[in-house]
C-alpha atoms as a PDB file:
ATOM      1  CA  MET A   1       6.287 -24.074 -23.765  1.00  0.00           C
ATOM      2  CA  ALA A   2       6.013 -22.242 -20.434  1.00  0.00           C
ATOM      3  CA  ILE A   3       3.012 -22.945 -18.252  1.00  0.00           C
ATOM      4  CA  HIS A   4       1.543 -19.827 -16.628  1.00  0.00           C
ATOM      5  CA  SER A   5      -0.637 -20.093 -13.552  1.00  0.00           C
ATOM      6  CA  PHE A   6      -1.725 -17.298 -11.276  1.00  0.00           C
ATOM      7  CA  GLU A   7      -2.980 -17.699  -7.733  1.00  0.00           C
ATOM      8  CA  LYS A   8      -5.557 -15.382  -6.235  1.00  0.00           C
ATOM      9  CA  LEU A   9      -4.568 -11.937  -5.090  1.00  0.00           C
ATOM     10  CA  LYS A  10      -4.534 -11.696  -1.292  1.00  0.00           C
ATOM     11  CA  THR A  11      -4.834  -8.463   0.689  1.00  0.00           C
ATOM     12  CA  SER A  12      -3.786  -7.610   4.223  1.00  0.00           C
ATOM     13  CA  ASP A  13      -5.130  -4.721   6.264  1.00  0.00           C
ATOM     14  CA  LEU A  14      -2.156  -3.028   7.944  1.00  0.00           C
ATOM     15  CA  GLY A  15      -4.252  -0.668  10.041  1.00  0.00           C
ATOM     16  CA  GLU A  16      -4.125   3.107  10.180  1.00  0.00           C
ATOM     17  CA  THR A  17      -1.314   5.622  10.037  1.00  0.00           C
ATOM     18  CA  ASP A  18      -0.781   8.397  12.523  1.00  0.00           C
ATOM     19  CA  VAL A  19      -2.532  11.649  11.654  1.00  0.00           C
ATOM     20  CA  ILE A  20      -1.209  13.051   8.370  1.00  0.00           C
ATOM     21  CA  VAL A  21      -2.353  15.804   6.018  1.00  0.00           C
ATOM     22  CA  CYS A  22      -3.664  14.220   2.828  1.00  0.00           C
ATOM     23  CA  PRO A  23      -1.670  15.593  -0.135  1.00  0.00           C
ATOM     24  CA  VAL A  24      -4.867  15.822  -2.235  1.00  0.00           C
ATOM     25  CA  CYS A  25      -7.621  17.218  -0.002  1.00  0.00           C
ATOM     26  CA  ARG A  26      -5.207  18.852   2.485  1.00  0.00           C
ATOM     27  CA  LYS A  27      -7.294  17.610   5.456  1.00  0.00           C
ATOM     28  CA  ALA A  28      -5.722  16.108   8.570  1.00  0.00           C
ATOM     29  CA  THR A  29      -6.729  12.448   8.749  1.00  0.00           C
ATOM     30  CA  VAL A  30      -5.481   8.916   9.314  1.00  0.00           C
ATOM     31  CA  LEU A  31      -4.885   6.889   6.158  1.00  0.00           C
ATOM     32  CA  ARG A  32      -5.830   3.205   5.954  1.00  0.00           C
ATOM     33  CA  LEU A  33      -2.965   0.938   4.841  1.00  0.00           C
ATOM     34  CA  PHE A  34      -3.333  -2.230   2.772  1.00  0.00           C
ATOM     35  CA  THR A  35      -0.869  -4.632   1.168  1.00  0.00           C
ATOM     36  CA  ALA A  36      -1.775  -6.731  -1.860  1.00  0.00           C
ATOM     37  CA  HIS A  37       0.151  -9.986  -2.159  1.00  0.00           C
ATOM     38  CA  ASP A  38       0.421 -11.396  -5.663  1.00  0.00           C
ATOM     39  CA  MET A  39       1.991 -14.832  -6.014  1.00  0.00           C
ATOM     40  CA  SER A  40       2.639 -15.542  -9.678  1.00  0.00           C
ATOM     41  CA  ALA A  41       3.950 -18.912 -10.693  1.00  0.00           C
ATOM     42  CA  VAL A  42       5.686 -19.432 -14.005  1.00  0.00           C
ATOM     43  CA  SER A  43       6.739 -23.066 -14.459  1.00  0.00           C
ATOM     44  CA  PHE A  44       8.787 -23.998 -11.378  1.00  0.00           C
ATOM     45  CA  LEU A  45       9.825 -20.437 -10.488  1.00  0.00           C
ATOM     46  CA  LYS A  46       7.689 -18.544  -7.964  1.00  0.00           C
ATOM     47  CA  LYS A  47       8.071 -14.814  -7.651  1.00  0.00           C
ATOM     48  CA  LYS A  48       6.307 -12.858  -4.909  1.00  0.00           C
ATOM     49  CA  HIS A  49       5.269  -9.255  -5.486  1.00  0.00           C
ATOM     50  CA  ASP A  50       3.755  -6.970  -2.831  1.00  0.00           C
ATOM     51  CA  ASP A  51       2.223  -3.553  -3.354  1.00  0.00           C
ATOM     52  CA  SER A  52       1.197  -1.347  -0.446  1.00  0.00           C
ATOM     53  CA  VAL A  53      -1.407   1.376  -0.731  1.00  0.00           C
ATOM     54  CA  ALA A  54      -2.918   3.977   1.567  1.00  0.00           C
ATOM     55  CA  VAL A  55      -6.448   5.328   1.199  1.00  0.00           C
ATOM     56  CA  CYS A  56      -7.665   8.717   2.435  1.00  0.00           C
ATOM     57  CA  PRO A  57     -11.081   8.308   4.092  1.00  0.00           C
ATOM     58  CA  LYS A  58     -11.887  12.003   3.538  1.00  0.00           C
ATOM     59  CA  CYS A  59     -11.492  12.221  -0.251  1.00  0.00           C
ATOM     60  CA  GLY A  60     -10.930   8.628  -1.402  1.00  0.00           C
ATOM     61  CA  SER A  61      -7.482   9.229  -2.910  1.00  0.00           C
ATOM     62  CA  VAL A  62      -5.283   6.137  -3.232  1.00  0.00           C
ATOM     63  CA  PHE A  63      -1.513   6.341  -2.762  1.00  0.00           C
ATOM     64  CA  SER A  64       1.342   3.925  -3.302  1.00  0.00           C
ATOM     65  CA  VAL A  65       3.350   3.676  -0.077  1.00  0.00           C
ATOM     66  CA  ASN A  66       7.144   3.525   0.187  1.00  0.00           C
ATOM     67  CA  GLN A  67       7.961  -0.140   0.848  1.00  0.00           C
ATOM     68  CA  ASN A  68      10.652   0.773   3.402  1.00  0.00           C
ATOM     69  CA  TYR A  69       7.967   2.391   5.584  1.00  0.00           C
ATOM     70  CA  VAL A  70       5.769  -0.710   5.337  1.00  0.00           C
ATOM     71  CA  THR A  71       8.648  -3.068   6.145  1.00  0.00           C
ATOM     72  CA  LEU A  72       9.668  -1.048   9.214  1.00  0.00           C
ATOM     73  CA  ARG A  73       6.055  -0.906  10.392  1.00  0.00           C
ATOM     74  CA  GLN A  74       5.620  -4.679   9.980  1.00  0.00           C
ATOM     75  CA  GLN A  75       8.791  -5.212  12.032  1.00  0.00           C
ATOM     76  CA  GLY A  76       7.263  -3.176  14.856  1.00  0.00           C
ATOM     77  CA  THR A  77       9.517  -0.163  14.395  1.00  0.00           C
ATOM     78  CA  VAL A  78       7.890   3.128  15.347  1.00  0.00           C
ATOM     79  CA  CYS A  79       7.996   5.293  12.224  1.00  0.00           C
ATOM     80  CA  THR A  80       6.086   8.252  10.862  1.00  0.00           C
ATOM     81  CA  LEU A  81       4.527   8.326   7.413  1.00  0.00           C
ATOM     82  CA  THR A  82       5.319  11.543   5.565  1.00  0.00           C
ATOM     83  CA  GLU A  83       4.054  12.995   2.303  1.00  0.00           C
ATOM     84  CA  SER A  84       7.342  11.974   0.653  1.00  0.00           C
ATOM     85  CA  ASP A  85       6.472   8.307   1.370  1.00  0.00           C
ATOM     86  CA  LEU A  86       3.331   8.595  -0.784  1.00  0.00           C
ATOM     87  CA  SER A  87       2.868   8.550  -4.572  1.00  0.00           C
ATOM     88  CA  LEU A  88      -0.572   9.358  -5.937  1.00  0.00           C
ATOM     89  CA  LEU A  89      -2.183   6.459  -7.833  1.00  0.00           C
ATOM     90  CA  PHE A  90      -5.779   7.680  -8.009  1.00  0.00           C
ATOM     91  CA  PRO A  91      -6.995  11.175  -7.081  1.00  0.00           C
ATOM     92  CA  GLY A  92     -10.163  11.249  -5.042  1.00  0.00           C
ATOM     93  CA  ASN A  93     -12.697  14.016  -4.637  1.00  0.00           C
ATOM     94  CA  GLY A  94     -10.307  16.410  -2.948  1.00  0.00           C
END
């Protein structure tokens, strides 16, 4: 019988993007970036899963962010977030 245990979900604030036009409300704004770290343990095997999201402060839309962009940003590489790096998870009041 496998023993399942789940640790708490941890979030990290990754700061703000450069100015981008929100794909939902079409307003120029800076999106706030967050990463959710989920450590799930099943028996002796630990598997880490990270999801990164961006939130539009103008309309409240939530987007999944391309992990390559997040990785480059965390490494200190100067990179620009584009609309193609975003996938809509929850439409706000755009």
